[in-house]
């Protein structure tokens, strides 16, 4: 059997401050540009551990993205 080489894991830099707390705005379904920052190219909502958003705004972001998808402002599936 061949021995596999172990590669070091890549470190992902996560912002320390919440985007919405810093800008003093709330995530809204009608504001598409801030919502697209937190949706991957596949159309998935990124995790809190990767985007640096606080828990309160992550919950509101999730519902805003789902609302925007339902109104056809954001796609359900990525490109």
PDB file of N, CA and C in Angstrom:
ATOM      1  N   UNK A   1       0.827  -1.186   0.000  1.00  0.00           N
ATOM      2  CA  UNK A   1       0.000   0.000   0.000  1.00  0.00           C
ATOM      3  C   UNK A   1       0.869   1.245   0.000  1.00  0.00           C
ATOM      4  N   UNK A   2       0.436   2.206  -0.758  1.00  0.00           N
ATOM      5  CA  UNK A   2       1.167   3.467  -0.820  1.00  0.00           C
ATOM      6  C   UNK A   2       0.767   4.349   0.359  1.00  0.00           C
ATOM      7  N   UNK A   3       1.730   5.079   0.844  1.00  0.00           N
ATOM      8  CA  UNK A   3       1.482   5.983   1.965  1.00  0.00           C
ATOM      9  C   UNK A   3       1.113   7.352   1.398  1.00  0.00           C
ATOM     10  N   UNK A   4       0.002   7.898   1.892  1.00  0.00           N
ATOM     11  CA  UNK A   4      -0.442   9.203   1.428  1.00  0.00           C
ATOM     12  C   UNK A   4       0.298  10.308   2.170  1.00  0.00           C
ATOM     13  N   UNK A   5       0.633  11.341   1.424  1.00  0.00           N
ATOM     14  CA  UNK A   5       1.252  12.501   2.053  1.00  0.00           C
ATOM     15  C   UNK A   5       0.158  13.371   2.660  1.00  0.00           C
ATOM     16  N   UNK A   6       0.443  13.891   3.823  1.00  0.00           N
ATOM     17  CA  UNK A   6      -0.509  14.785   4.467  1.00  0.00           C
ATOM     18  C   UNK A   6      -0.135  16.224   4.148  1.00  0.00           C
ATOM     19  N   UNK A   7      -1.093  16.943   3.605  1.00  0.00           N
ATOM     20  CA  UNK A   7      -0.888  18.335   3.277  1.00  0.00           C
ATOM     21  C   UNK A   7      -1.486  19.197   4.387  1.00  0.00           C
ATOM     22  N   UNK A   8      -0.833  20.297   4.712  1.00  0.00           N
ATOM     23  CA  UNK A   8      -1.406  21.159   5.753  1.00  0.00           C
ATOM     24  C   UNK A   8      -2.703  21.802   5.275  1.00  0.00           C
ATOM     25  N   UNK A   9      -3.633  21.961   6.212  1.00  0.00           N
ATOM     26  CA  UNK A   9      -4.923  22.576   5.868  1.00  0.00           C
ATOM     27  C   UNK A   9      -4.728  24.061   5.629  1.00  0.00           C
ATOM     28  N   UNK A  10      -5.486  24.573   4.674  1.00  0.00           N
ATOM     29  CA  UNK A  10      -5.437  26.005   4.395  1.00  0.00           C
ATOM     30  C   UNK A  10      -6.190  26.755   5.474  1.00  0.00           C
ATOM     31  N   UNK A  11      -5.605  27.838   5.913  1.00  0.00           N
ATOM     32  CA  UNK A  11      -6.286  28.672   6.891  1.00  0.00           C
ATOM     33  C   UNK A  11      -7.148  29.688   6.161  1.00  0.00           C
ATOM     34  N   UNK A  12      -8.379  29.801   6.588  1.00  0.00           N
ATOM     35  CA  UNK A  12      -9.300  30.748   5.992  1.00  0.00           C
ATOM     36  C   UNK A  12      -9.354  31.966   6.906  1.00  0.00           C
ATOM     37  N   UNK A  13      -9.089  33.125   6.339  1.00  0.00           N
ATOM     38  CA  UNK A  13      -9.156  34.332   7.145  1.00  0.00           C
ATOM     39  C   UNK A  13     -10.601  34.772   7.267  1.00  0.00           C
ATOM     40  N   UNK A  14     -11.029  34.927   8.507  1.00  0.00           N
ATOM     41  CA  UNK A  14     -12.406  35.303   8.796  1.00  0.00           C
ATOM     42  C   UNK A  14     -12.400  36.705   9.386  1.00  0.00           C
ATOM     43  N   UNK A  15     -13.253  37.589   8.896  1.00  0.00           N
ATOM     44  CA  UNK A  15     -13.323  38.922   9.486  1.00  0.00           C
ATOM     45  C   UNK A  15     -13.750  38.832  10.955  1.00  0.00           C
ATOM     46  N   UNK A  16     -13.177  39.665  11.797  1.00  0.00           N
ATOM     47  CA  UNK A  16     -13.477  39.623  13.226  1.00  0.00           C
ATOM     48  C   UNK A  16     -14.767  40.361  13.571  1.00  0.00           C
ATOM     49  N   UNK A  17     -15.150  41.327  12.750  1.00  0.00           N
ATOM     50  CA  UNK A  17     -16.349  42.096  13.051  1.00  0.00           C
ATOM     51  C   UNK A  17     -17.459  41.756  12.064  1.00  0.00           C
ATOM     52  N   UNK A  18     -18.662  41.876  12.536  1.00  0.00           N
ATOM     53  CA  UNK A  18     -19.836  41.612  11.709  1.00  0.00           C
ATOM     54  C   UNK A  18     -20.003  42.730  10.686  1.00  0.00           C
ATOM     55  N   UNK A  19     -20.254  42.371   9.449  1.00  0.00           N
ATOM     56  CA  UNK A  19     -20.437  43.354   8.371  1.00  0.00           C
ATOM     57  C   UNK A  19     -21.629  44.260   8.666  1.00  0.00           C
ATOM     58  N   UNK A  20     -22.733  43.682   9.117  1.00  0.00           N
ATOM     59  CA  UNK A  20     -23.949  44.455   9.338  1.00  0.00           C
ATOM     60  C   UNK A  20     -23.846  45.329  10.589  1.00  0.00           C
ATOM     61  N   UNK A  21     -23.136  44.879  11.626  1.00  0.00           N
ATOM     62  CA  UNK A  21     -22.926  45.708  12.816  1.00  0.00           C
ATOM     63  C   UNK A  21     -22.018  46.887  12.475  1.00  0.00           C
ATOM     64  N   UNK A  22     -20.997  46.622  11.660  1.00  0.00           N
ATOM     65  CA  UNK A  22     -20.053  47.673  11.289  1.00  0.00           C
ATOM     66  C   UNK A  22     -20.721  48.745  10.429  1.00  0.00           C
ATOM     67  N   UNK A  23     -21.541  48.333   9.474  1.00  0.00           N
ATOM     68  CA  UNK A  23     -22.236  49.271   8.591  1.00  0.00           C
ATOM     69  C   UNK A  23     -23.504  49.852   9.225  1.00  0.00           C
ATOM     70  N   UNK A  24     -23.934  49.289  10.349  1.00  0.00           N
ATOM     71  CA  UNK A  24     -25.145  49.697  11.065  1.00  0.00           C
ATOM     72  C   UNK A  24     -26.379  49.615  10.176  1.00  0.00           C
ATOM     73  N   UNK A  25     -26.512  48.485   9.484  1.00  0.00           N
ATOM     74  CA  UNK A  25     -27.689  48.210   8.664  1.00  0.00           C
ATOM     75  C   UNK A  25     -28.186  46.810   9.009  1.00  0.00           C
ATOM     76  N   UNK A  26     -29.405  46.527   8.639  1.00  0.00           N
ATOM     77  CA  UNK A  26     -29.986  45.203   8.821  1.00  0.00           C
ATOM     78  C   UNK A  26     -30.086  44.519   7.459  1.00  0.00           C
ATOM     79  N   UNK A  27     -29.913  43.202   7.412  1.00  0.00           N
ATOM     80  CA  UNK A  27     -30.086  42.514   6.123  1.00  0.00           C
ATOM     81  C   UNK A  27     -31.543  42.568   5.673  1.00  0.00           C
ATOM     82  N   UNK A  28     -31.765  43.070   4.455  1.00  0.00           N
ATOM     83  CA  UNK A  28     -33.106  43.178   3.889  1.00  0.00           C
ATOM     84  C   UNK A  28     -33.156  42.383   2.593  1.00  0.00           C
ATOM     85  N   UNK A  29     -34.306  41.800   2.330  1.00  0.00           N
ATOM     86  CA  UNK A  29     -34.456  40.994   1.118  1.00  0.00           C
ATOM     87  C   UNK A  29     -34.353  41.846  -0.141  1.00  0.00           C
ATOM     88  N   UNK A  30     -34.677  43.140  -0.043  1.00  0.00           N
ATOM     89  CA  UNK A  30     -34.676  43.996  -1.224  1.00  0.00           C
ATOM     90  C   UNK A  30     -33.275  44.497  -1.599  1.00  0.00           C
ATOM     91  N   UNK A  31     -32.329  44.477  -0.660  1.00  0.00           N
ATOM     92  CA  UNK A  31     -30.949  44.876  -0.944  1.00  0.00           C
ATOM     93  C   UNK A  31     -30.165  43.649  -1.400  1.00  0.00           C
ATOM     94  N   UNK A  32     -30.017  43.492  -2.687  1.00  0.00           N
ATOM     95  CA  UNK A  32     -29.441  42.277  -3.243  1.00  0.00           C
ATOM     96  C   UNK A  32     -27.925  42.240  -3.098  1.00  0.00           C
ATOM     97  N   UNK A  33     -27.252  43.370  -3.242  1.00  0.00           N
ATOM     98  CA  UNK A  33     -25.781  43.390  -3.245  1.00  0.00           C
ATOM     99  C   UNK A  33     -25.188  42.879  -1.929  1.00  0.00           C
ATOM    100  N   UNK A  34     -25.650  43.343  -0.742  1.00  0.00           N
ATOM    101  CA  UNK A  34     -25.078  42.782   0.484  1.00  0.00           C
ATOM    102  C   UNK A  34     -25.410  41.300   0.665  1.00  0.00           C
ATOM    103  N   UNK A  35     -26.576  40.877   0.191  1.00  0.00           N
ATOM    104  CA  UNK A  35     -26.947  39.471   0.339  1.00  0.00           C
ATOM    105  C   UNK A  35     -26.063  38.574  -0.522  1.00  0.00           C
ATOM    106  N   UNK A  36     -25.684  39.048  -1.714  1.00  0.00           N
ATOM    107  CA  UNK A  36     -24.867  38.239  -2.614  1.00  0.00           C
ATOM    108  C   UNK A  36     -23.462  38.007  -2.071  1.00  0.00           C
ATOM    109  N   UNK A  37     -22.995  38.874  -1.171  1.00  0.00           N
ATOM    110  CA  UNK A  37     -21.670  38.680  -0.563  1.00  0.00           C
ATOM    111  C   UNK A  37     -21.622  37.419   0.285  1.00  0.00           C
ATOM    112  N   UNK A  38     -22.767  37.019   0.824  1.00  0.00           N
ATOM    113  CA  UNK A  38     -22.819  35.902   1.755  1.00  0.00           C
ATOM    114  C   UNK A  38     -23.464  34.664   1.148  1.00  0.00           C
ATOM    115  N   UNK A  39     -23.597  34.635  -0.180  1.00  0.00           N
ATOM    116  CA  UNK A  39     -24.105  33.468  -0.893  1.00  0.00           C
ATOM    117  C   UNK A  39     -22.997  32.986  -1.815  1.00  0.00           C
ATOM    118  N   UNK A  40     -22.714  31.684  -1.790  1.00  0.00           N
ATOM    119  CA  UNK A  40     -21.625  31.143  -2.606  1.00  0.00           C
ATOM    120  C   UNK A  40     -22.015  31.097  -4.080  1.00  0.00           C
ATOM    121  N   UNK A  41     -21.065  30.730  -4.919  1.00  0.00           N
ATOM    122  CA  UNK A  41     -21.330  30.652  -6.358  1.00  0.00           C
ATOM    123  C   UNK A  41     -22.311  29.533  -6.683  1.00  0.00           C
ATOM    124  N   UNK A  42     -22.434  28.552  -5.784  1.00  0.00           N
ATOM    125  CA  UNK A  42     -23.400  27.474  -5.979  1.00  0.00           C
ATOM    126  C   UNK A  42     -24.788  27.839  -5.475  1.00  0.00           C
ATOM    127  N   UNK A  43     -24.902  29.001  -4.833  1.00  0.00           N
ATOM    128  CA  UNK A  43     -26.189  29.435  -4.325  1.00  0.00           C
ATOM    129  C   UNK A  43     -26.415  29.108  -2.867  1.00  0.00           C
ATOM    130  N   UNK A  44     -25.394  28.612  -2.183  1.00  0.00           N
ATOM    131  CA  UNK A  44     -25.547  28.252  -0.772  1.00  0.00           C
ATOM    132  C   UNK A  44     -25.225  29.458   0.117  1.00  0.00           C
ATOM    133  N   UNK A  45     -25.912  29.541   1.235  1.00  0.00           N
ATOM    134  CA  UNK A  45     -25.629  30.593   2.216  1.00  0.00           C
ATOM    135  C   UNK A  45     -24.397  30.156   2.997  1.00  0.00           C
ATOM    136  N   UNK A  46     -23.385  31.028   3.075  1.00  0.00           N
ATOM    137  CA  UNK A  46     -22.141  30.643   3.749  1.00  0.00           C
ATOM    138  C   UNK A  46     -22.349  30.589   5.257  1.00  0.00           C
ATOM    139  N   UNK A  47     -21.552  29.762   5.899  1.00  0.00           N
ATOM    140  CA  UNK A  47     -21.665  29.540   7.338  1.00  0.00           C
ATOM    141  C   UNK A  47     -21.130  30.730   8.118  1.00  0.00           C
ATOM    142  N   UNK A  48     -21.570  30.832   9.342  1.00  0.00           N
ATOM    143  CA  UNK A  48     -21.146  31.913  10.216  1.00  0.00           C
ATOM    144  C   UNK A  48     -19.648  31.854  10.502  1.00  0.00           C
ATOM    145  N   UNK A  49     -19.110  30.656  10.551  1.00  0.00           N
ATOM    146  CA  UNK A  49     -17.682  30.493  10.830  1.00  0.00           C
ATOM    147  C   UNK A  49     -16.813  30.995   9.682  1.00  0.00           C
ATOM    148  N   UNK A  50     -17.376  31.118   8.493  1.00  0.00           N
ATOM    149  CA  UNK A  50     -16.609  31.574   7.325  1.00  0.00           C
ATOM    150  C   UNK A  50     -16.816  33.045   6.990  1.00  0.00           C
ATOM    151  N   UNK A  51     -17.994  33.591   7.325  1.00  0.00           N
ATOM    152  CA  UNK A  51     -18.234  34.964   6.907  1.00  0.00           C
ATOM    153  C   UNK A  51     -18.110  35.980   8.027  1.00  0.00           C
ATOM    154  N   UNK A  52     -18.002  35.566   9.284  1.00  0.00           N
ATOM    155  CA  UNK A  52     -17.745  36.486  10.382  1.00  0.00           C
ATOM    156  C   UNK A  52     -18.934  37.306  10.844  1.00  0.00           C
ATOM    157  N   UNK A  53     -20.139  36.883  10.526  1.00  0.00           N
ATOM    158  CA  UNK A  53     -21.334  37.609  10.937  1.00  0.00           C
ATOM    159  C   UNK A  53     -21.763  37.118  12.315  1.00  0.00           C
ATOM    160  N   UNK A  54     -22.298  38.033  13.130  1.00  0.00           N
ATOM    161  CA  UNK A  54     -22.786  37.645  14.453  1.00  0.00           C
ATOM    162  C   UNK A  54     -24.046  36.784  14.304  1.00  0.00           C
ATOM    163  N   UNK A  55     -24.433  36.115  15.384  1.00  0.00           N
ATOM    164  CA  UNK A  55     -25.543  35.158  15.336  1.00  0.00           C
ATOM    165  C   UNK A  55     -26.872  35.829  14.983  1.00  0.00           C
ATOM    166  N   UNK A  56     -27.093  37.011  15.530  1.00  0.00           N
ATOM    167  CA  UNK A  56     -28.348  37.728  15.269  1.00  0.00           C
ATOM    168  C   UNK A  56     -28.492  38.049  13.789  1.00  0.00           C
ATOM    169  N   UNK A  57     -27.429  38.576  13.195  1.00  0.00           N
ATOM    170  CA  UNK A  57     -27.508  38.948  11.786  1.00  0.00           C
ATOM    171  C   UNK A  57     -27.463  37.729  10.865  1.00  0.00           C
ATOM    172  N   UNK A  58     -26.847  36.628  11.306  1.00  0.00           N
ATOM    173  CA  UNK A  58     -26.848  35.408  10.494  1.00  0.00           C
ATOM    174  C   UNK A  58     -28.268  34.870  10.362  1.00  0.00           C
ATOM    175  N   UNK A  59     -29.022  34.898  11.444  1.00  0.00           N
ATOM    176  CA  UNK A  59     -30.420  34.436  11.390  1.00  0.00           C
ATOM    177  C   UNK A  59     -31.255  35.324  10.472  1.00  0.00           C
ATOM    178  N   UNK A  60     -31.065  36.626  10.579  1.00  0.00           N
ATOM    179  CA  UNK A  60     -31.818  37.550   9.726  1.00  0.00           C
ATOM    180  C   UNK A  60     -31.376  37.462   8.271  1.00  0.00           C
ATOM    181  N   UNK A  61     -30.085  37.234   8.052  1.00  0.00           N
ATOM    182  CA  UNK A  61     -29.571  37.068   6.691  1.00  0.00           C
ATOM    183  C   UNK A  61     -30.195  35.841   6.033  1.00  0.00           C
ATOM    184  N   UNK A  62     -30.285  34.754   6.778  1.00  0.00           N
ATOM    185  CA  UNK A  62     -30.858  33.520   6.245  1.00  0.00           C
ATOM    186  C   UNK A  62     -32.302  33.730   5.805  1.00  0.00           C
ATOM    187  N   UNK A  63     -33.092  34.366   6.654  1.00  0.00           N
ATOM    188  CA  UNK A  63     -34.496  34.584   6.283  1.00  0.00           C
ATOM    189  C   UNK A  63     -34.619  35.583   5.131  1.00  0.00           C
ATOM    190  N   UNK A  64     -33.719  36.573   5.077  1.00  0.00           N
ATOM    191  CA  UNK A  64     -33.755  37.548   3.981  1.00  0.00           C
ATOM    192  C   UNK A  64     -33.395  36.904   2.648  1.00  0.00           C
ATOM    193  N   UNK A  65     -32.405  36.027   2.659  1.00  0.00           N
ATOM    194  CA  UNK A  65     -32.008  35.339   1.419  1.00  0.00           C
ATOM    195  C   UNK A  65     -33.146  34.434   0.951  1.00  0.00           C
ATOM    196  N   UNK A  66     -33.774  33.728   1.877  1.00  0.00           N
ATOM    197  CA  UNK A  66     -34.882  32.846   1.504  1.00  0.00           C
ATOM    198  C   UNK A  66     -36.063  33.652   0.956  1.00  0.00           C
ATOM    199  N   UNK A  67     -36.323  34.803   1.552  1.00  0.00           N
ATOM    200  CA  UNK A  67     -37.401  35.669   1.073  1.00  0.00           C
ATOM    201  C   UNK A  67     -37.081  36.204  -0.327  1.00  0.00           C
ATOM    202  N   UNK A  68     -35.833  36.617  -0.530  1.00  0.00           N
ATOM    203  CA  UNK A  68     -35.419  37.129  -1.845  1.00  0.00           C
ATOM    204  C   UNK A  68     -35.479  36.031  -2.908  1.00  0.00           C
ATOM    205  N   UNK A  69     -35.157  34.811  -2.540  1.00  0.00           N
ATOM    206  CA  UNK A  69     -35.261  33.693  -3.489  1.00  0.00           C
ATOM    207  C   UNK A  69     -36.714  33.463  -3.874  1.00  0.00           C
ATOM    208  N   UNK A  70     -37.595  33.534  -2.889  1.00  0.00           N
ATOM    209  CA  UNK A  70     -39.011  33.289  -3.154  1.00  0.00           C
ATOM    210  C   UNK A  70     -39.594  34.349  -4.087  1.00  0.00           C
ATOM    211  N   UNK A  71     -39.099  35.586  -3.977  1.00  0.00           N
ATOM    212  CA  UNK A  71     -39.570  36.665  -4.838  1.00  0.00           C
ATOM    213  C   UNK A  71     -38.789  36.760  -6.143  1.00  0.00           C
ATOM    214  N   UNK A  72     -37.909  35.799  -6.396  1.00  0.00           N
ATOM    215  CA  UNK A  72     -37.105  35.703  -7.618  1.00  0.00           C
ATOM    216  C   UNK A  72     -36.108  36.852  -7.759  1.00  0.00           C
ATOM    217  N   UNK A  73     -35.641  37.399  -6.636  1.00  0.00           N
ATOM    218  CA  UNK A  73     -34.585  38.407  -6.663  1.00  0.00           C
ATOM    219  C   UNK A  73     -33.207  37.747  -6.638  1.00  0.00           C
ATOM    220  N   UNK A  74     -33.111  36.583  -6.028  1.00  0.00           N
ATOM    221  CA  UNK A  74     -31.896  35.773  -6.001  1.00  0.00           C
ATOM    222  C   UNK A  74     -32.215  34.400  -6.572  1.00  0.00           C
ATOM    223  N   UNK A  75     -31.253  33.759  -7.227  1.00  0.00           N
ATOM    224  CA  UNK A  75     -31.518  32.413  -7.740  1.00  0.00           C
ATOM    225  C   UNK A  75     -31.430  31.360  -6.630  1.00  0.00           C
ATOM    226  N   UNK A  76     -32.198  30.288  -6.773  1.00  0.00           N
ATOM    227  CA  UNK A  76     -32.106  29.176  -5.828  1.00  0.00           C
ATOM    228  C   UNK A  76     -30.820  28.399  -6.037  1.00  0.00           C
ATOM    229  N   UNK A  77     -30.399  28.280  -7.290  1.00  0.00           N
ATOM    230  CA  UNK A  77     -29.201  27.524  -7.658  1.00  0.00           C
ATOM    231  C   UNK A  77     -28.223  28.475  -8.318  1.00  0.00           C
ATOM    232  N   UNK A  78     -26.926  28.246  -8.098  1.00  0.00           N
ATOM    233  CA  UNK A  78     -25.909  29.115  -8.690  1.00  0.00           C
ATOM    234  C   UNK A  78     -25.792  28.939 -10.193  1.00  0.00           C
ATOM    235  N   UNK A  79     -24.800  29.576 -10.758  1.00  0.00           N
ATOM    236  CA  UNK A  79     -24.602  29.563 -12.208  1.00  0.00           C
ATOM    237  C   UNK A  79     -24.194  28.195 -12.700  1.00  0.00           C
TER     238      UNK A  79
END
